Structure formats: C-alpha cells, structure tokens
Amino acid sequence: MDQPKQSSQQIILNRTRFNSIEFETKHVELVLPRGRDVKFPIEISNYGAPTQINLSASNEIEDCVRFMHNDFAAVGKTVVDAIVHIQTQRHGSIAVTVGYGANTDGFNIDMIAEPYQEIDADPGLAVPGEGTRGYQEVSQISAHPALKVVAALAFILVILKLFDMVPGYVGIVSAILLLVILIMYKLFTTSSQ
C-alpha cells in the first residue's frame, strides 16, 4: 500500500476548551496514484479526558475514502488510517465529530490523480508500413506454392524410404529437407503473430 505525497493530517482535541477541534491545516491536498489503495494517516492528539470521536467523509468522496478505525474513544495520541482509492480528481471534506455530537468540524481534501505514465516505445515500431511489411514477407514465404510442392515431395520420399522403395540416402536427404521446411514454417508463423 502506497503513501501519498503529503504524509498526514493532524487533529488536536480539547486543547483550547472542552470538546474543541483544531486542525494542522484546513485544506489537505493529496497526489495519489490512480486505481490503487493509498494509506492516509490522520494523527489525533487529545489534550483532555478521553473523548468519543467519529470521522466521516462528505458525499463527494464517501465512495473513495474508508476509515480503518472509527467511532472510538481518543486517548492521548492516536493514528487513524484512511484508505483512499481514486481514478480521477476528487474534492470533498472529512468531518470530525467529538463528544457524541457535542462539536463537529472538518477539513477540505483535494485528491489529485497522478498523470498517466507514458510508455517508451521503439521508434522503429511507429514507422508506417514497417510492421506490416514483415508480415507480408512471412506470409509469402509460407504460402509459396513451390515450397508446398517440395514439402509434399519430401514427405512422400520419406514414406517410400520407410517401405524400402527408394535408396537410403534419398530418404535421409528427404527427411532433412522436410525437417528444415517444418522448422522454417514454424519460425515464420510464430514471428508473424
């Protein structure tokens, strides 16, 4: 799981008065990879008595933010991980409620998707006609009628050698020729795919 470019948000509770809520910043901007779960830690520092806390995402972002731990009593320092998952830029807010609804405040959050990565390609692949020329040459070789006739003749001579109807050297040469034709055909057809 990745970490966003901005590491966290800090929330301070009960420092100025009972059930008070303060934020390190009222606006968080996260640059996130597209389509991956990213952990966004929210650090909570409670300066008073244990306080019930609830975090909620606004309607605009509730489908892409989930809290791993929520609706709990904050004591001292606590870290709550929000898991963020976006495909495109999103804007919303996260609300913090303390003391069973005694006080609520929130901060804005902009989630910006990282730009798509460009893929480096061989410049020779982008030249029009080069990719199709190779395919045409292969198909012409494999479909050439003379090659088919030679392969058929070599196959017949190998069969005839099996029945001792032709001399041994003719059968051996025919078998080698047939093997070479089959290997060439296989190489050409796999390279054209």
Protein backbone atom coordinates (compact mmCIF):
# COMPACT_ATOMS: atom_id res chain seq x y z
CA MET A 1 0.00 0.00 0.00
CA ASP A 2 1.40 3.38 -1.01
CA GLN A 3 1.76 6.63 0.93
CA PRO A 4 0.51 9.90 -0.62
CA LYS A 5 2.84 12.82 -1.33
CA GLN A 6 1.51 14.67 1.77
CA SER A 7 2.03 12.32 4.66
CA SER A 8 -0.78 13.09 7.12
CA GLN A 9 -3.27 15.43 8.79
CA GLN A 10 -3.07 16.32 12.47
CA ILE A 11 -6.18 16.89 14.59
CA ILE A 12 -5.88 18.42 18.06
CA LEU A 13 -8.72 17.87 20.56
CA ASN A 14 -9.53 19.58 23.89
CA ARG A 15 -6.55 21.98 23.81
CA THR A 16 -8.36 25.34 23.89
CA ARG A 17 -11.56 24.17 25.62
CA PHE A 18 -13.61 21.03 26.31
CA ASN A 19 -14.52 19.22 23.02
CA SER A 20 -12.56 21.74 20.91
CA ILE A 21 -11.29 20.62 17.47
CA GLU A 22 -8.25 22.12 15.73
CA PHE A 23 -6.53 21.07 12.50
CA GLU A 24 -2.92 21.39 11.44
CA THR A 25 -4.32 22.62 8.13
CA LYS A 26 -7.90 23.22 6.96
CA HIS A 27 -7.04 22.14 3.40
CA VAL A 28 -5.19 18.92 2.54
CA GLU A 29 -4.01 18.17 -0.99
CA LEU A 30 -3.02 14.61 -1.84
CA VAL A 31 -1.39 13.49 -5.11
CA LEU A 32 -2.30 9.83 -5.49
CA PRO A 33 -1.70 7.01 -7.97
CA ARG A 34 -4.77 6.03 -9.97
CA GLY A 35 -6.62 2.86 -9.07
CA ARG A 36 -4.53 1.84 -6.05
CA ASP A 37 -5.29 1.86 -2.33
CA VAL A 38 -3.26 4.53 -0.55
CA LYS A 39 -2.95 4.94 3.22
CA PHE A 40 -3.57 8.49 4.51
CA PRO A 41 -2.76 8.68 8.25
CA ILE A 42 -4.76 11.07 10.44
CA GLU A 43 -2.95 11.80 13.71
CA ILE A 44 -5.22 12.70 16.64
CA SER A 45 -3.81 14.34 19.78
CA ASN A 46 -6.24 14.59 22.69
CA TYR A 47 -5.19 17.03 25.44
CA GLY A 48 -8.18 16.32 27.68
CA ALA A 49 -10.25 13.49 29.02
CA PRO A 50 -10.98 10.50 26.73
CA THR A 51 -13.31 11.76 24.02
CA GLN A 52 -15.56 9.79 21.68
CA ILE A 53 -14.59 10.63 18.07
CA ASN A 54 -16.22 9.85 14.74
CA LEU A 55 -14.81 10.57 11.27
CA SER A 56 -16.96 10.82 8.14
CA ALA A 57 -16.30 11.66 4.52
CA SER A 58 -18.58 14.05 2.63
CA ASN A 59 -20.93 12.75 -0.08
CA GLU A 60 -18.50 13.78 -2.84
CA ILE A 61 -15.79 11.41 -1.62
CA GLU A 62 -17.54 8.81 0.55
CA ASP A 63 -17.15 6.16 -2.16
CA CYS A 64 -13.35 6.53 -2.30
CA VAL A 65 -12.42 7.06 1.39
CA ARG A 66 -12.79 4.49 4.16
CA PHE A 67 -11.52 4.63 7.72
CA MET A 68 -9.77 1.59 9.16
CA HIS A 69 -10.74 2.56 12.73
CA ASN A 70 -13.67 4.81 13.55
CA ASP A 71 -16.16 5.75 16.29
CA PHE A 72 -13.77 5.24 19.21
CA ALA A 73 -12.56 6.95 22.39
CA ALA A 74 -9.47 9.07 21.67
CA VAL A 75 -6.94 8.97 24.49
CA GLY A 76 -3.58 10.75 24.18
CA LYS A 77 -2.14 10.27 20.69
CA THR A 78 -3.93 8.06 18.19
CA VAL A 79 -3.44 7.43 14.47
CA VAL A 80 -6.41 6.56 12.26
CA ASP A 81 -5.61 5.33 8.74
CA ALA A 82 -7.91 6.43 5.96
CA ILE A 83 -7.64 4.28 2.83
CA VAL A 84 -8.08 6.35 -0.32
CA HIS A 85 -8.71 4.90 -3.80
CA ILE A 86 -9.28 7.23 -6.79
CA GLN A 87 -9.33 7.13 -10.59
CA THR A 88 -9.76 10.87 -11.23
CA GLN A 89 -9.50 14.08 -9.24
CA ARG A 90 -11.90 14.33 -6.29
CA HIS A 91 -12.75 17.12 -3.85
CA GLY A 92 -14.65 16.85 -0.59
CA SER A 93 -14.23 17.11 3.14
CA ILE A 94 -13.72 14.96 6.20
CA ALA A 95 -15.83 15.81 9.25
CA VAL A 96 -14.68 15.16 12.81
CA THR A 97 -17.36 14.78 15.49
CA VAL A 98 -16.40 14.66 19.17
CA GLY A 99 -18.28 14.01 22.39
CA TYR A 100 -21.21 12.11 20.81
CA GLY A 101 -22.10 15.15 18.67
CA ALA A 102 -21.11 17.91 21.12
CA ASN A 103 -18.88 19.53 18.47
CA THR A 104 -18.25 18.94 14.75
CA ASP A 105 -15.69 20.50 12.44
CA GLY A 106 -14.00 19.42 9.27
CA PHE A 107 -11.22 19.97 6.77
CA ASN A 108 -11.26 20.07 2.99
CA ILE A 109 -9.42 17.47 0.99
CA ASP A 110 -8.36 17.55 -2.67
CA MET A 111 -7.30 14.20 -4.11
CA ILE A 112 -5.41 14.68 -7.35
CA ALA A 113 -4.68 11.70 -9.58
CA GLU A 114 -1.11 11.35 -10.79
CA PRO A 115 -0.80 11.86 -14.55
CA TYR A 116 -0.75 8.73 -16.69
CA GLN A 117 2.76 7.44 -17.34
CA GLU A 118 3.93 7.50 -20.94
CA ILE A 119 5.30 4.23 -22.27
CA ASP A 120 8.57 4.40 -24.18
CA ALA A 121 8.38 2.55 -27.48
CA ASP A 122 10.93 1.66 -30.10
CA PRO A 123 10.77 4.44 -32.74
CA GLY A 124 11.05 1.82 -35.48
CA LEU A 125 7.68 0.41 -34.43
CA ALA A 126 5.99 3.74 -35.11
CA VAL A 127 7.11 3.99 -38.76
CA PRO A 128 4.12 3.29 -41.01
CA GLY A 129 4.40 0.16 -43.10
CA GLU A 130 7.42 -1.42 -41.37
CA GLY A 131 5.37 -3.70 -39.14
CA THR A 132 3.12 -4.88 -41.97
CA ARG A 133 5.98 -5.43 -44.44
CA GLY A 134 7.45 -8.20 -42.23
CA TYR A 135 4.09 -9.95 -42.06
CA GLN A 136 3.68 -9.84 -45.85
CA GLU A 137 7.14 -11.40 -46.38
CA VAL A 138 6.37 -14.22 -43.95
CA SER A 139 3.01 -14.97 -45.46
CA GLN A 140 4.52 -15.01 -48.95
CA ILE A 141 7.21 -17.48 -47.88
CA SER A 142 4.86 -19.82 -46.09
CA ALA A 143 2.23 -19.69 -48.82
CA HIS A 144 4.62 -20.03 -51.78
CA PRO A 145 3.34 -22.90 -53.98
CA ALA A 146 6.81 -24.27 -54.82
CA LEU A 147 7.59 -24.66 -51.12
CA LYS A 148 4.40 -26.66 -50.62
CA VAL A 149 5.29 -28.94 -53.55
CA VAL A 150 8.83 -29.55 -52.23
CA ALA A 151 7.47 -30.33 -48.75
CA ALA A 152 4.91 -32.77 -50.16
CA LEU A 153 7.56 -34.48 -52.34
CA ALA A 154 9.96 -34.79 -49.37
CA PHE A 155 7.16 -36.29 -47.27
CA ILE A 156 6.37 -38.86 -49.98
CA LEU A 157 10.05 -39.82 -50.32
CA VAL A 158 10.35 -40.31 -46.55
CA ILE A 159 7.30 -42.60 -46.59
CA LEU A 160 8.72 -44.53 -49.56
CA LYS A 161 12.03 -44.99 -47.69
CA LEU A 162 10.11 -46.49 -44.76
CA PHE A 163 8.88 -49.22 -47.14
CA ASP A 164 12.38 -49.58 -48.71
CA MET A 165 11.14 -48.40 -52.12
CA VAL A 166 13.92 -45.77 -52.54
CA PRO A 167 17.63 -45.82 -51.66
CA GLY A 168 18.62 -44.86 -48.07
CA TYR A 169 20.39 -41.59 -48.96
CA VAL A 170 17.25 -40.31 -50.75
CA GLY A 171 15.18 -40.96 -47.65
CA ILE A 172 17.73 -39.25 -45.38
CA VAL A 173 18.01 -36.18 -47.62
CA SER A 174 14.22 -36.01 -47.91
CA ALA A 175 13.78 -36.27 -44.13
CA ILE A 176 16.33 -33.48 -43.52
CA LEU A 177 14.69 -31.28 -46.17
CA LEU A 178 11.25 -31.88 -44.66
CA LEU A 179 12.58 -31.07 -41.19
CA VAL A 180 14.14 -27.81 -42.43
CA ILE A 181 10.88 -26.79 -44.13
CA LEU A 182 8.86 -27.53 -40.99
CA ILE A 183 11.27 -25.54 -38.78
CA MET A 184 11.24 -22.58 -41.21
CA TYR A 185 7.45 -22.66 -41.35
CA LYS A 186 7.17 -22.75 -37.56
CA LEU A 187 9.67 -19.89 -37.12
CA PHE A 188 7.93 -17.71 -39.69
CA THR A 189 4.43 -18.29 -38.35
CA THR A 190 5.39 -17.59 -34.71
CA SER A 191 7.33 -14.42 -35.62
CA SER A 192 4.35 -13.02 -37.54
CA GLN A 193 2.00 -13.27 -34.55
